[in-house]
Amino acid sequence: MENKKYSSYAAIEQDLEILKLEKELYYQKMLLSIDKTKESILPSKSVSFIGNLYQKVFSGTYGTLLKIAIPYIINWYINRKRGD
């Protein structure tokens, strides 16, 4: 890095302000990168999508019928005879 010669305190203050803003900018970019990494790792959107889908499917009359039928279907599948 090249040494800069300043002729006034105002020029020094201006460069310090620029450096301070650059530091803040890099810090905010780092935070944004961390947040994006967290979002890509955590399955929060997938979990909420499955939860919403579950609520839509199992709500109302159709959902009640499914809740009644699913245990019977599972029981039939487990207890069926092999080879039939």
N, C-alpha and C. Protein backbone atom coordinates (compact mmCIF):
# COMPACT_ATOMS: atom_id res chain seq x y z
N MET A 1 0.85 -1.17 0.00
CA MET A 1 0.00 0.00 0.00
C MET A 1 0.89 1.24 0.00
N GLU A 2 0.50 2.16 -0.75
CA GLU A 2 1.28 3.38 -0.92
C GLU A 2 0.99 4.36 0.22
N ASN A 3 2.03 4.98 0.77
CA ASN A 3 1.85 5.98 1.81
C ASN A 3 1.34 7.26 1.17
N LYS A 4 0.31 7.80 1.79
CA LYS A 4 -0.32 8.99 1.26
C LYS A 4 0.12 10.19 2.09
N LYS A 5 0.36 11.29 1.46
CA LYS A 5 0.72 12.51 2.19
C LYS A 5 -0.49 13.43 2.21
N TYR A 6 -0.82 13.85 3.40
CA TYR A 6 -2.00 14.69 3.58
C TYR A 6 -1.56 16.13 3.83
N SER A 7 -2.38 17.04 3.31
CA SER A 7 -2.06 18.45 3.50
C SER A 7 -2.95 19.09 4.57
N SER A 8 -4.04 18.36 4.96
CA SER A 8 -4.91 18.94 5.99
C SER A 8 -5.59 17.81 6.77
N TYR A 9 -6.12 18.20 7.92
CA TYR A 9 -6.85 17.24 8.73
C TYR A 9 -8.17 16.86 8.07
N ALA A 10 -8.73 17.73 7.29
CA ALA A 10 -9.99 17.44 6.58
C ALA A 10 -9.80 16.28 5.61
N ALA A 11 -8.67 16.23 4.92
CA ALA A 11 -8.40 15.13 3.98
C ALA A 11 -8.24 13.81 4.74
N ILE A 12 -7.60 13.88 5.92
CA ILE A 12 -7.44 12.68 6.74
C ILE A 12 -8.80 12.19 7.21
N GLU A 13 -9.63 13.11 7.68
CA GLU A 13 -10.97 12.77 8.15
C GLU A 13 -11.81 12.17 7.03
N GLN A 14 -11.67 12.70 5.83
CA GLN A 14 -12.43 12.20 4.69
C GLN A 14 -12.01 10.76 4.37
N ASP A 15 -10.72 10.49 4.35
CA ASP A 15 -10.25 9.13 4.10
C ASP A 15 -10.67 8.17 5.21
N LEU A 16 -10.64 8.64 6.45
CA LEU A 16 -11.08 7.80 7.57
C LEU A 16 -12.57 7.48 7.46
N GLU A 17 -13.36 8.44 7.03
CA GLU A 17 -14.80 8.23 6.84
C GLU A 17 -15.03 7.21 5.73
N ILE A 18 -14.27 7.31 4.63
CA ILE A 18 -14.39 6.35 3.54
C ILE A 18 -14.03 4.95 4.02
N LEU A 19 -12.94 4.83 4.77
CA LEU A 19 -12.54 3.53 5.30
C LEU A 19 -13.59 2.96 6.25
N LYS A 20 -14.18 3.82 7.06
CA LYS A 20 -15.22 3.39 7.99
C LYS A 20 -16.42 2.86 7.23
N LEU A 21 -16.83 3.55 6.17
CA LEU A 21 -17.97 3.10 5.37
C LEU A 21 -17.66 1.79 4.62
N GLU A 22 -16.45 1.66 4.12
CA GLU A 22 -16.05 0.42 3.46
C GLU A 22 -16.07 -0.75 4.44
N LYS A 23 -15.60 -0.49 5.65
CA LYS A 23 -15.61 -1.52 6.69
C LYS A 23 -17.04 -1.95 6.99
N GLU A 24 -17.94 -0.99 7.12
CA GLU A 24 -19.35 -1.30 7.39
C GLU A 24 -19.97 -2.06 6.22
N LEU A 25 -19.62 -1.69 5.01
CA LEU A 25 -20.14 -2.37 3.82
C LEU A 25 -19.70 -3.83 3.79
N TYR A 26 -18.43 -4.09 4.03
CA TYR A 26 -17.93 -5.46 4.06
C TYR A 26 -18.56 -6.26 5.20
N TYR A 27 -18.78 -5.61 6.33
CA TYR A 27 -19.41 -6.28 7.46
C TYR A 27 -20.84 -6.69 7.10
N GLN A 28 -21.60 -5.80 6.47
CA GLN A 28 -22.98 -6.11 6.07
C GLN A 28 -23.01 -7.21 5.01
N LYS A 29 -22.05 -7.20 4.08
CA LYS A 29 -21.97 -8.26 3.08
C LYS A 29 -21.71 -9.61 3.75
N MET A 30 -20.85 -9.61 4.76
CA MET A 30 -20.56 -10.84 5.48
C MET A 30 -21.81 -11.35 6.19
N LEU A 31 -22.56 -10.47 6.84
CA LEU A 31 -23.79 -10.86 7.52
C LEU A 31 -24.80 -11.43 6.53
N LEU A 32 -24.93 -10.79 5.38
CA LEU A 32 -25.85 -11.27 4.36
C LEU A 32 -25.43 -12.65 3.86
N SER A 33 -24.15 -12.84 3.68
CA SER A 33 -23.65 -14.14 3.24
C SER A 33 -23.94 -15.22 4.28
N ILE A 34 -23.78 -14.89 5.54
CA ILE A 34 -24.08 -15.84 6.62
C ILE A 34 -25.56 -16.19 6.62
N ASP A 35 -26.43 -15.19 6.46
CA ASP A 35 -27.86 -15.43 6.43
C ASP A 35 -28.26 -16.32 5.25
N LYS A 36 -27.68 -16.07 4.09
CA LYS A 36 -27.98 -16.89 2.92
C LYS A 36 -27.52 -18.32 3.13
N THR A 37 -26.38 -18.49 3.77
CA THR A 37 -25.87 -19.83 4.04
C THR A 37 -26.80 -20.56 5.01
N LYS A 38 -27.26 -19.85 6.04
CA LYS A 38 -28.20 -20.46 6.99
C LYS A 38 -29.48 -20.89 6.29
N GLU A 39 -30.01 -20.02 5.42
CA GLU A 39 -31.25 -20.34 4.71
C GLU A 39 -31.08 -21.55 3.81
N SER A 40 -29.91 -21.68 3.20
CA SER A 40 -29.71 -22.81 2.30
C SER A 40 -29.51 -24.11 3.07
N ILE A 41 -29.01 -24.03 4.29
CA ILE A 41 -28.76 -25.24 5.09
C ILE A 41 -30.02 -25.68 5.81
N LEU A 42 -30.74 -24.75 6.41
CA LEU A 42 -31.91 -25.10 7.21
C LEU A 42 -33.11 -25.40 6.31
N PRO A 43 -33.82 -26.47 6.59
CA PRO A 43 -34.96 -26.83 5.74
C PRO A 43 -36.25 -26.16 6.19
N SER A 44 -36.20 -24.93 6.63
CA SER A 44 -37.39 -24.28 7.19
C SER A 44 -38.48 -24.11 6.15
N LYS A 45 -38.13 -23.78 4.91
CA LYS A 45 -39.14 -23.61 3.88
C LYS A 45 -39.78 -24.95 3.52
N SER A 46 -38.99 -26.00 3.47
CA SER A 46 -39.52 -27.32 3.15
C SER A 46 -40.46 -27.80 4.24
N VAL A 47 -40.07 -27.58 5.48
CA VAL A 47 -40.89 -28.01 6.61
C VAL A 47 -42.21 -27.24 6.62
N SER A 48 -42.16 -25.94 6.41
CA SER A 48 -43.40 -25.17 6.41
C SER A 48 -44.27 -25.56 5.23
N PHE A 49 -43.67 -25.88 4.07
CA PHE A 49 -44.44 -26.32 2.91
C PHE A 49 -45.17 -27.62 3.21
N ILE A 50 -44.47 -28.58 3.84
CA ILE A 50 -45.08 -29.86 4.19
C ILE A 50 -46.18 -29.67 5.22
N GLY A 51 -45.94 -28.77 6.19
CA GLY A 51 -46.97 -28.48 7.19
C GLY A 51 -48.21 -27.87 6.56
N ASN A 52 -48.03 -26.93 5.64
CA ASN A 52 -49.17 -26.33 4.95
C ASN A 52 -49.90 -27.36 4.11
N LEU A 53 -49.16 -28.22 3.42
CA LEU A 53 -49.77 -29.27 2.60
C LEU A 53 -50.57 -30.23 3.49
N TYR A 54 -50.01 -30.60 4.63
CA TYR A 54 -50.70 -31.48 5.57
C TYR A 54 -52.00 -30.85 6.05
N GLN A 55 -51.96 -29.56 6.38
CA GLN A 55 -53.17 -28.89 6.84
C GLN A 55 -54.23 -28.85 5.75
N LYS A 56 -53.82 -28.60 4.51
CA LYS A 56 -54.79 -28.54 3.42
C LYS A 56 -55.42 -29.90 3.15
N VAL A 57 -54.59 -30.96 3.17
CA VAL A 57 -55.09 -32.29 2.85
C VAL A 57 -55.99 -32.82 3.96
N PHE A 58 -55.60 -32.62 5.20
CA PHE A 58 -56.33 -33.22 6.32
C PHE A 58 -57.33 -32.27 6.98
N SER A 59 -57.75 -31.24 6.29
CA SER A 59 -58.78 -30.37 6.85
C SER A 59 -60.09 -30.63 6.12
N GLY A 60 -61.19 -30.43 6.80
CA GLY A 60 -62.50 -30.60 6.19
C GLY A 60 -62.94 -32.05 6.18
N THR A 61 -63.99 -32.31 5.40
CA THR A 61 -64.61 -33.63 5.34
C THR A 61 -63.66 -34.65 4.71
N TYR A 62 -63.00 -34.25 3.64
CA TYR A 62 -62.06 -35.15 2.97
C TYR A 62 -60.95 -35.57 3.92
N GLY A 63 -60.46 -34.65 4.69
CA GLY A 63 -59.41 -34.95 5.66
C GLY A 63 -59.88 -35.90 6.74
N THR A 64 -61.11 -35.72 7.20
CA THR A 64 -61.67 -36.61 8.21
C THR A 64 -61.77 -38.03 7.68
N LEU A 65 -62.23 -38.16 6.44
CA LEU A 65 -62.32 -39.49 5.83
C LEU A 65 -60.94 -40.13 5.69
N LEU A 66 -59.95 -39.34 5.30
CA LEU A 66 -58.59 -39.86 5.19
C LEU A 66 -58.05 -40.31 6.54
N LYS A 67 -58.33 -39.52 7.58
CA LYS A 67 -57.85 -39.89 8.92
C LYS A 67 -58.47 -41.19 9.40
N ILE A 68 -59.69 -41.46 8.97
CA ILE A 68 -60.35 -42.71 9.36
C ILE A 68 -59.83 -43.86 8.49
N ALA A 69 -59.64 -43.63 7.20
CA ALA A 69 -59.28 -44.69 6.28
C ALA A 69 -57.82 -45.12 6.37
N ILE A 70 -56.92 -44.20 6.64
CA ILE A 70 -55.49 -44.52 6.63
C ILE A 70 -55.12 -45.62 7.63
N PRO A 71 -55.60 -45.61 8.89
CA PRO A 71 -55.25 -46.72 9.79
C PRO A 71 -55.75 -48.07 9.29
N TYR A 72 -56.95 -48.12 8.67
CA TYR A 72 -57.45 -49.38 8.12
C TYR A 72 -56.60 -49.86 6.96
N ILE A 73 -56.16 -48.95 6.12
CA ILE A 73 -55.31 -49.32 4.98
C ILE A 73 -53.96 -49.84 5.47
N ILE A 74 -53.39 -49.18 6.45
CA ILE A 74 -52.11 -49.63 7.01
C ILE A 74 -52.26 -51.00 7.66
N ASN A 75 -53.34 -51.18 8.42
CA ASN A 75 -53.60 -52.46 9.08
C ASN A 75 -53.80 -53.57 8.05
N TRP A 76 -54.53 -53.30 6.98
CA TRP A 76 -54.73 -54.28 5.92
C TRP A 76 -53.40 -54.64 5.27
N TYR A 77 -52.56 -53.64 5.01
CA TYR A 77 -51.27 -53.88 4.36
C TYR A 77 -50.35 -54.73 5.24
N ILE A 78 -50.36 -54.47 6.53
CA ILE A 78 -49.50 -55.22 7.45
C ILE A 78 -50.00 -56.66 7.60
N ASN A 79 -51.32 -56.86 7.67
CA ASN A 79 -51.87 -58.17 7.97
C ASN A 79 -52.24 -58.99 6.74
N ARG A 80 -52.01 -58.51 5.54
CA ARG A 80 -52.38 -59.27 4.34
C ARG A 80 -51.50 -60.51 4.23
N LYS A 81 -52.03 -61.48 3.59
CA LYS A 81 -51.30 -62.74 3.42
C LYS A 81 -50.33 -62.57 2.25
N ARG A 82 -49.21 -63.16 2.39
CA ARG A 82 -48.21 -63.13 1.32
C ARG A 82 -48.64 -64.12 0.24
N GLY A 83 -48.51 -63.74 -1.02
CA GLY A 83 -48.81 -64.62 -2.12
C GLY A 83 -50.25 -64.54 -2.61
N ASP A 84 -51.09 -63.76 -1.97
CA ASP A 84 -52.48 -63.63 -2.43
C ASP A 84 -52.61 -62.50 -3.40
